[in-house]
Amino acid sequence: MTQVLTLLGRRDCPLCEEMQHGLADLVASGRIALRVIDVDEDPVLLARHGLDVPVLMCAARVLCMHRLDREALLACLNSQ
């Protein structure tokens, strides 16, 4: 079953691009679907996260910020 994850980020953000690239193999395999949201386009998300991006979320739970924590990600996927 494909798990939908949310990546909160912004344009021209090297860390956001790095995290998205780190998830590419799981997206390609169909294990996850990635919903990417630009925090600069949502005032609530911008106020909540400011410069603290990227943020990878599974449902409403934050898995990691700034750098991909593959261990936390796999633990989340394996618990579903």
PDB file of N, CA and C in Angstrom:
ATOM      1  N   MET A   1       0.840  -1.184   0.000  1.00  0.00           N
ATOM      2  CA  MET A   1       0.000   0.000   0.000  1.00  0.00           C
ATOM      3  C   MET A   1       0.881   1.241   0.000  1.00  0.00           C
ATOM      4  N   THR A   2       0.522   2.202  -0.797  1.00  0.00           N
ATOM      5  CA  THR A   2       1.294   3.432  -0.905  1.00  0.00           C
ATOM      6  C   THR A   2       0.928   4.377   0.230  1.00  0.00           C
ATOM      7  N   GLN A   3       1.935   4.834   0.938  1.00  0.00           N
ATOM      8  CA  GLN A   3       1.753   5.797   2.028  1.00  0.00           C
ATOM      9  C   GLN A   3       1.961   7.202   1.473  1.00  0.00           C
ATOM     10  N   VAL A   4       1.035   8.108   1.764  1.00  0.00           N
ATOM     11  CA  VAL A   4       1.160   9.488   1.304  1.00  0.00           C
ATOM     12  C   VAL A   4       1.880  10.297   2.374  1.00  0.00           C
ATOM     13  N   LEU A   5       2.997  10.902   1.980  1.00  0.00           N
ATOM     14  CA  LEU A   5       3.763  11.772   2.871  1.00  0.00           C
ATOM     15  C   LEU A   5       3.657  13.200   2.360  1.00  0.00           C
ATOM     16  N   THR A   6       3.821  14.151   3.262  1.00  0.00           N
ATOM     17  CA  THR A   6       3.782  15.560   2.907  1.00  0.00           C
ATOM     18  C   THR A   6       5.140  16.173   3.169  1.00  0.00           C
ATOM     19  N   LEU A   7       5.647  16.879   2.169  1.00  0.00           N
ATOM     20  CA  LEU A   7       6.912  17.601   2.302  1.00  0.00           C
ATOM     21  C   LEU A   7       6.604  19.087   2.247  1.00  0.00           C
ATOM     22  N   LEU A   8       6.836  19.759   3.366  1.00  0.00           N
ATOM     23  CA  LEU A   8       6.661  21.207   3.429  1.00  0.00           C
ATOM     24  C   LEU A   8       8.000  21.849   3.104  1.00  0.00           C
ATOM     25  N   GLY A   9       7.997  22.746   2.147  1.00  0.00           N
ATOM     26  CA  GLY A   9       9.247  23.383   1.749  1.00  0.00           C
ATOM     27  C   GLY A   9       8.981  24.705   1.066  1.00  0.00           C
ATOM     28  N   ARG A  10       9.947  25.134   0.287  1.00  0.00           N
ATOM     29  CA  ARG A  10       9.792  26.368  -0.496  1.00  0.00           C
ATOM     30  C   ARG A  10      10.672  26.276  -1.717  1.00  0.00           C
ATOM     31  N   ARG A  11      10.380  27.145  -2.671  1.00  0.00           N
ATOM     32  CA  ARG A  11      11.182  27.202  -3.894  1.00  0.00           C
ATOM     33  C   ARG A  11      12.595  27.660  -3.581  1.00  0.00           C
ATOM     34  N   ASP A  12      13.520  27.211  -4.405  1.00  0.00           N
ATOM     35  CA  ASP A  12      14.929  27.616  -4.297  1.00  0.00           C
ATOM     36  C   ASP A  12      15.522  27.316  -2.926  1.00  0.00           C
ATOM     37  N   CYS A  13      15.127  26.204  -2.349  1.00  0.00           N
ATOM     38  CA  CYS A  13      15.626  25.773  -1.033  1.00  0.00           C
ATOM     39  C   CYS A  13      16.464  24.511  -1.246  1.00  0.00           C
ATOM     40  N   PRO A  14      17.791  24.635  -1.123  1.00  0.00           N
ATOM     41  CA  PRO A  14      18.649  23.467  -1.340  1.00  0.00           C
ATOM     42  C   PRO A  14      18.334  22.292  -0.414  1.00  0.00           C
ATOM     43  N   LEU A  15      18.015  22.563   0.851  1.00  0.00           N
ATOM     44  CA  LEU A  15      17.686  21.466   1.767  1.00  0.00           C
ATOM     45  C   LEU A  15      16.388  20.770   1.353  1.00  0.00           C
ATOM     46  N   CYS A  16      15.435  21.546   0.851  1.00  0.00           N
ATOM     47  CA  CYS A  16      14.166  20.967   0.389  1.00  0.00           C
ATOM     48  C   CYS A  16      14.408  20.060  -0.813  1.00  0.00           C
ATOM     49  N   GLU A  17      15.226  20.535  -1.728  1.00  0.00           N
ATOM     50  CA  GLU A  17      15.562  19.737  -2.913  1.00  0.00           C
ATOM     51  C   GLU A  17      16.322  18.474  -2.515  1.00  0.00           C
ATOM     52  N   GLU A  18      17.214  18.600  -1.545  1.00  0.00           N
ATOM     53  CA  GLU A  18      17.987  17.446  -1.078  1.00  0.00           C
ATOM     54  C   GLU A  18      17.065  16.394  -0.460  1.00  0.00           C
ATOM     55  N   MET A  19      16.098  16.845   0.355  1.00  0.00           N
ATOM     56  CA  MET A  19      15.188  15.888   0.978  1.00  0.00           C
ATOM     57  C   MET A  19      14.311  15.218  -0.079  1.00  0.00           C
ATOM     58  N   GLN A  20      13.815  15.989  -1.020  1.00  0.00           N
ATOM     59  CA  GLN A  20      12.987  15.419  -2.076  1.00  0.00           C
ATOM     60  C   GLN A  20      13.789  14.404  -2.890  1.00  0.00           C
ATOM     61  N   HIS A  21      15.025  14.718  -3.182  1.00  0.00           N
ATOM     62  CA  HIS A  21      15.896  13.790  -3.905  1.00  0.00           C
ATOM     63  C   HIS A  21      16.114  12.505  -3.088  1.00  0.00           C
ATOM     64  N   GLY A  22      16.253  12.651  -1.775  1.00  0.00           N
ATOM     65  CA  GLY A  22      16.449  11.488  -0.902  1.00  0.00           C
ATOM     66  C   GLY A  22      15.241  10.570  -0.831  1.00  0.00           C
ATOM     67  N   LEU A  23      14.089  11.088  -1.207  1.00  0.00           N
ATOM     68  CA  LEU A  23      12.861  10.291  -1.195  1.00  0.00           C
ATOM     69  C   LEU A  23      12.533   9.695  -2.558  1.00  0.00           C
ATOM     70  N   ALA A  24      13.292  10.067  -3.568  1.00  0.00           N
ATOM     71  CA  ALA A  24      12.984   9.691  -4.955  1.00  0.00           C
ATOM     72  C   ALA A  24      12.892   8.184  -5.162  1.00  0.00           C
ATOM     73  N   ASP A  25      13.750   7.415  -4.508  1.00  0.00           N
ATOM     74  CA  ASP A  25      13.712   5.962  -4.710  1.00  0.00           C
ATOM     75  C   ASP A  25      12.427   5.350  -4.162  1.00  0.00           C
ATOM     76  N   LEU A  26      11.931   5.870  -3.042  1.00  0.00           N
ATOM     77  CA  LEU A  26      10.692   5.354  -2.467  1.00  0.00           C
ATOM     78  C   LEU A  26       9.481   5.768  -3.293  1.00  0.00           C
ATOM     79  N   VAL A  27       9.538   6.957  -3.882  1.00  0.00           N
ATOM     80  CA  VAL A  27       8.465   7.402  -4.777  1.00  0.00           C
ATOM     81  C   VAL A  27       8.465   6.539  -6.039  1.00  0.00           C
ATOM     82  N   ALA A  28       9.642   6.334  -6.618  1.00  0.00           N
ATOM     83  CA  ALA A  28       9.752   5.544  -7.853  1.00  0.00           C
ATOM     84  C   ALA A  28       9.284   4.106  -7.655  1.00  0.00           C
ATOM     85  N   SER A  29       9.525   3.559  -6.467  1.00  0.00           N
ATOM     86  CA  SER A  29       9.121   2.176  -6.198  1.00  0.00           C
ATOM     87  C   SER A  29       7.633   2.052  -5.885  1.00  0.00           C
ATOM     88  N   GLY A  30       6.968   3.200  -5.679  1.00  0.00           N
ATOM     89  CA  GLY A  30       5.554   3.164  -5.344  1.00  0.00           C
ATOM     90  C   GLY A  30       5.273   2.968  -3.874  1.00  0.00           C
ATOM     91  N   ARG A  31       6.321   2.931  -3.062  1.00  0.00           N
ATOM     92  CA  ARG A  31       6.129   2.736  -1.618  1.00  0.00           C
ATOM     93  C   ARG A  31       5.518   3.977  -0.969  1.00  0.00           C
ATOM     94  N   ILE A  32       5.882   5.166  -1.485  1.00  0.00           N
ATOM     95  CA  ILE A  32       5.283   6.395  -0.983  1.00  0.00           C
ATOM     96  C   ILE A  32       4.815   7.262  -2.151  1.00  0.00           C
ATOM     97  N   ALA A  33       3.853   8.100  -1.847  1.00  0.00           N
ATOM     98  CA  ALA A  33       3.464   9.191  -2.742  1.00  0.00           C
ATOM     99  C   ALA A  33       3.817  10.457  -1.979  1.00  0.00           C
ATOM    100  N   LEU A  34       4.344  11.426  -2.667  1.00  0.00           N
ATOM    101  CA  LEU A  34       4.826  12.636  -2.011  1.00  0.00           C
ATOM    102  C   LEU A  34       3.984  13.830  -2.433  1.00  0.00           C
ATOM    103  N   ARG A  35       3.407  14.475  -1.457  1.00  0.00           N
ATOM    104  CA  ARG A  35       2.654  15.713  -1.673  1.00  0.00           C
ATOM    105  C   ARG A  35       3.564  16.854  -1.221  1.00  0.00           C
ATOM    106  N   VAL A  36       3.933  17.731  -2.128  1.00  0.00           N
ATOM    107  CA  VAL A  36       4.845  18.831  -1.830  1.00  0.00           C
ATOM    108  C   VAL A  36       4.040  20.118  -1.700  1.00  0.00           C
ATOM    109  N   ILE A  37       4.227  20.810  -0.579  1.00  0.00           N
ATOM    110  CA  ILE A  37       3.506  22.047  -0.312  1.00  0.00           C
ATOM    111  C   ILE A  37       4.518  23.165  -0.070  1.00  0.00           C
ATOM    112  N   ASP A  38       4.329  24.275  -0.760  1.00  0.00           N
ATOM    113  CA  ASP A  38       5.173  25.457  -0.596  1.00  0.00           C
ATOM    114  C   ASP A  38       4.614  26.277   0.568  1.00  0.00           C
ATOM    115  N   VAL A  39       5.368  26.379   1.675  1.00  0.00           N
ATOM    116  CA  VAL A  39       4.883  27.102   2.852  1.00  0.00           C
ATOM    117  C   VAL A  39       4.672  28.584   2.570  1.00  0.00           C
ATOM    118  N   ASP A  40       5.363  29.125   1.583  1.00  0.00           N
ATOM    119  CA  ASP A  40       5.220  30.540   1.260  1.00  0.00           C
ATOM    120  C   ASP A  40       3.859  30.853   0.638  1.00  0.00           C
ATOM    121  N   GLU A  41       3.142  29.835   0.200  1.00  0.00           N
ATOM    122  CA  GLU A  41       1.827  30.029  -0.404  1.00  0.00           C
ATOM    123  C   GLU A  41       0.685  29.838   0.589  1.00  0.00           C
ATOM    124  N   ASP A  42       1.013  29.530   1.839  1.00  0.00           N
ATOM    125  CA  ASP A  42      -0.005  29.304   2.861  1.00  0.00           C
ATOM    126  C   ASP A  42       0.384  30.093   4.115  1.00  0.00           C
ATOM    127  N   PRO A  43      -0.329  31.160   4.445  1.00  0.00           N
ATOM    128  CA  PRO A  43       0.042  31.995   5.589  1.00  0.00           C
ATOM    129  C   PRO A  43       0.114  31.237   6.919  1.00  0.00           C
ATOM    130  N   VAL A  44      -0.751  30.250   7.102  1.00  0.00           N
ATOM    131  CA  VAL A  44      -0.742  29.475   8.341  1.00  0.00           C
ATOM    132  C   VAL A  44       0.533  28.644   8.427  1.00  0.00           C
ATOM    133  N   LEU A  45       0.876  27.949   7.342  1.00  0.00           N
ATOM    134  CA  LEU A  45       2.098  27.138   7.343  1.00  0.00           C
ATOM    135  C   LEU A  45       3.340  28.016   7.454  1.00  0.00           C
ATOM    136  N   LEU A  46       3.323  29.158   6.796  1.00  0.00           N
ATOM    137  CA  LEU A  46       4.457  30.076   6.869  1.00  0.00           C
ATOM    138  C   LEU A  46       4.655  30.565   8.297  1.00  0.00           C
ATOM    139  N   ALA A  47       3.573  30.904   8.977  1.00  0.00           N
ATOM    140  CA  ALA A  47       3.668  31.354  10.371  1.00  0.00           C
ATOM    141  C   ALA A  47       4.145  30.224  11.282  1.00  0.00           C
ATOM    142  N   ARG A  48       3.706  29.012  11.007  1.00  0.00           N
ATOM    143  CA  ARG A  48       4.052  27.872  11.856  1.00  0.00           C
ATOM    144  C   ARG A  48       5.500  27.422  11.642  1.00  0.00           C
ATOM    145  N   HIS A  49       5.964  27.413  10.388  1.00  0.00           N
ATOM    146  CA  HIS A  49       7.272  26.828  10.092  1.00  0.00           C
ATOM    147  C   HIS A  49       8.345  27.847   9.749  1.00  0.00           C
ATOM    148  N   GLY A  50       7.960  29.016   9.255  1.00  0.00           N
ATOM    149  CA  GLY A  50       8.942  30.050   8.944  1.00  0.00           C
ATOM    150  C   GLY A  50      10.083  29.514   8.107  1.00  0.00           C
ATOM    151  N   LEU A  51      11.286  29.616   8.642  1.00  0.00           N
ATOM    152  CA  LEU A  51      12.475  29.126   7.945  1.00  0.00           C
ATOM    153  C   LEU A  51      12.784  27.662   8.256  1.00  0.00           C
ATOM    154  N   ASP A  52      11.999  27.042   9.127  1.00  0.00           N
ATOM    155  CA  ASP A  52      12.227  25.639   9.502  1.00  0.00           C
ATOM    156  C   ASP A  52      11.658  24.695   8.453  1.00  0.00           C
ATOM    157  N   VAL A  53      12.276  24.680   7.294  1.00  0.00           N
ATOM    158  CA  VAL A  53      11.903  23.759   6.228  1.00  0.00           C
ATOM    159  C   VAL A  53      13.174  23.124   5.689  1.00  0.00           C
ATOM    160  N   PRO A  54      13.100  21.986   5.118  1.00  0.00           N
ATOM    161  CA  PRO A  54      11.918  21.183   4.859  1.00  0.00           C
ATOM    162  C   PRO A  54      11.435  20.447   6.099  1.00  0.00           C
ATOM    163  N   VAL A  55      10.154  20.083   6.049  1.00  0.00           N
ATOM    164  CA  VAL A  55       9.522  19.282   7.088  1.00  0.00           C
ATOM    165  C   VAL A  55       8.850  18.114   6.375  1.00  0.00           C
ATOM    166  N   LEU A  56       9.172  16.904   6.788  1.00  0.00           N
ATOM    167  CA  LEU A  56       8.540  15.716   6.222  1.00  0.00           C
ATOM    168  C   LEU A  56       7.532  15.199   7.225  1.00  0.00           C
ATOM    169  N   MET A  57       6.285  15.026   6.748  1.00  0.00           N
ATOM    170  CA  MET A  57       5.209  14.610   7.632  1.00  0.00           C
ATOM    171  C   MET A  57       4.540  13.335   7.129  1.00  0.00           C
ATOM    172  N   CYS A  58       4.165  12.512   8.085  1.00  0.00           N
ATOM    173  CA  CYS A  58       3.386  11.309   7.833  1.00  0.00           C
ATOM    174  C   CYS A  58       2.091  11.508   8.603  1.00  0.00           C
ATOM    175  N   ALA A  59       0.986  11.694   7.881  1.00  0.00           N
ATOM    176  CA  ALA A  59      -0.291  12.114   8.482  1.00  0.00           C
ATOM    177  C   ALA A  59      -0.017  13.469   9.141  1.00  0.00           C
ATOM    178  N   ALA A  60      -0.315  13.619  10.405  1.00  0.00           N
ATOM    179  CA  ALA A  60      -0.084  14.908  11.080  1.00  0.00           C
ATOM    180  C   ALA A  60       1.214  14.886  11.884  1.00  0.00           C
ATOM    181  N   ARG A  61       1.964  13.831  11.770  1.00  0.00           N
ATOM    182  CA  ARG A  61       3.183  13.654  12.580  1.00  0.00           C
ATOM    183  C   ARG A  61       4.422  14.101  11.813  1.00  0.00           C
ATOM    184  N   VAL A  62       5.232  14.933  12.447  1.00  0.00           N
ATOM    185  CA  VAL A  62       6.497  15.361  11.850  1.00  0.00           C
ATOM    186  C   VAL A  62       7.505  14.222  11.994  1.00  0.00           C
ATOM    187  N   LEU A  63       8.037  13.784  10.862  1.00  0.00           N
ATOM    188  CA  LEU A  63       9.060  12.728  10.877  1.00  0.00           C
ATOM    189  C   LEU A  63      10.454  13.319  11.011  1.00  0.00           C
ATOM    190  N   CYS A  64      10.707  14.398  10.280  1.00  0.00           N
ATOM    191  CA  CYS A  64      12.030  15.020  10.341  1.00  0.00           C
ATOM    192  C   CYS A  64      11.968  16.428   9.771  1.00  0.00           C
ATOM    193  N   MET A  65      12.961  17.214  10.154  1.00  0.00           N
ATOM    194  CA  MET A  65      13.093  18.590   9.677  1.00  0.00           C
ATOM    195  C   MET A  65      14.524  18.806   9.215  1.00  0.00           C
ATOM    196  N   HIS A  66      14.684  19.600   8.200  1.00  0.00           N
ATOM    197  CA  HIS A  66      15.982  20.023   7.675  1.00  0.00           C
ATOM    198  C   HIS A  66      16.725  18.916   6.925  1.00  0.00           C
ATOM    199  N   ARG A  67      16.894  17.771   7.517  1.00  0.00           N
ATOM    200  CA  ARG A  67      17.588  16.638   6.884  1.00  0.00           C
ATOM    201  C   ARG A  67      16.711  15.398   6.963  1.00  0.00           C
ATOM    202  N   LEU A  68      16.800  14.561   5.957  1.00  0.00           N
ATOM    203  CA  LEU A  68      16.020  13.327   5.918  1.00  0.00           C
ATOM    204  C   LEU A  68      16.524  12.356   6.979  1.00  0.00           C
ATOM    205  N   ASP A  69      15.609  11.919   7.837  1.00  0.00           N
ATOM    206  CA  ASP A  69      15.903  10.893   8.832  1.00  0.00           C
ATOM    207  C   ASP A  69      15.287   9.601   8.295  1.00  0.00           C
ATOM    208  N   ARG A  70      16.089   8.873   7.541  1.00  0.00           N
ATOM    209  CA  ARG A  70      15.587   7.676   6.867  1.00  0.00           C
ATOM    210  C   ARG A  70      15.118   6.621   7.871  1.00  0.00           C
ATOM    211  N   GLU A  71      15.769   6.531   9.013  1.00  0.00           N
ATOM    212  CA  GLU A  71      15.378   5.563  10.037  1.00  0.00           C
ATOM    213  C   GLU A  71      13.961   5.869  10.547  1.00  0.00           C
ATOM    214  N   ALA A  72      13.674   7.125  10.838  1.00  0.00           N
ATOM    215  CA  ALA A  72      12.332   7.508  11.304  1.00  0.00           C
ATOM    216  C   ALA A  72      11.308   7.279  10.189  1.00  0.00           C
ATOM    217  N   LEU A  73      11.685   7.582   8.975  1.00  0.00           N
ATOM    218  CA  LEU A  73      10.791   7.385   7.842  1.00  0.00           C
ATOM    219  C   LEU A  73      10.445   5.904   7.677  1.00  0.00           C
ATOM    220  N   LEU A  74      11.448   5.055   7.679  1.00  0.00           N
ATOM    221  CA  LEU A  74      11.193   3.614   7.508  1.00  0.00           C
ATOM    222  C   LEU A  74      10.409   3.044   8.672  1.00  0.00           C
ATOM    223  N   ALA A  75      10.648   3.526   9.894  1.00  0.00           N
ATOM    224  CA  ALA A  75       9.879   3.077  11.042  1.00  0.00           C
ATOM    225  C   ALA A  75       8.411   3.441  10.866  1.00  0.00           C
ATOM    226  N   CYS A  76       8.149   4.638  10.365  1.00  0.00           N
ATOM    227  CA  CYS A  76       6.768   5.068  10.116  1.00  0.00           C
ATOM    228  C   CYS A  76       6.130   4.185   9.035  1.00  0.00           C
ATOM    229  N   LEU A  77       6.844   3.970   7.955  1.00  0.00           N
ATOM    230  CA  LEU A  77       6.296   3.152   6.869  1.00  0.00           C
ATOM    231  C   LEU A  77       6.038   1.722   7.303  1.00  0.00           C
ATOM    232  N   ASN A  78       6.928   1.170   8.119  1.00  0.00           N
ATOM    233  CA  ASN A  78       6.778  -0.206   8.563  1.00  0.00           C
ATOM    234  C   ASN A  78       5.665  -0.375   9.603  1.00  0.00           C
ATOM    235  N   SER A  79       5.286   0.716  10.258  1.00  0.00           N
ATOM    236  CA  SER A  79       4.229   0.627  11.264  1.00  0.00           C
ATOM    237  C   SER A  79       2.838   0.772  10.673  1.00  0.00           C
ATOM    238  N   GLN A  80       2.764   1.120   9.403  1.00  0.00           N
ATOM    239  CA  GLN A  80       1.463   1.341   8.743  1.00  0.00           C
ATOM    240  C   GLN A  80       0.872   0.038   8.274  1.00  0.00           C
TER     241      GLN A  80
END
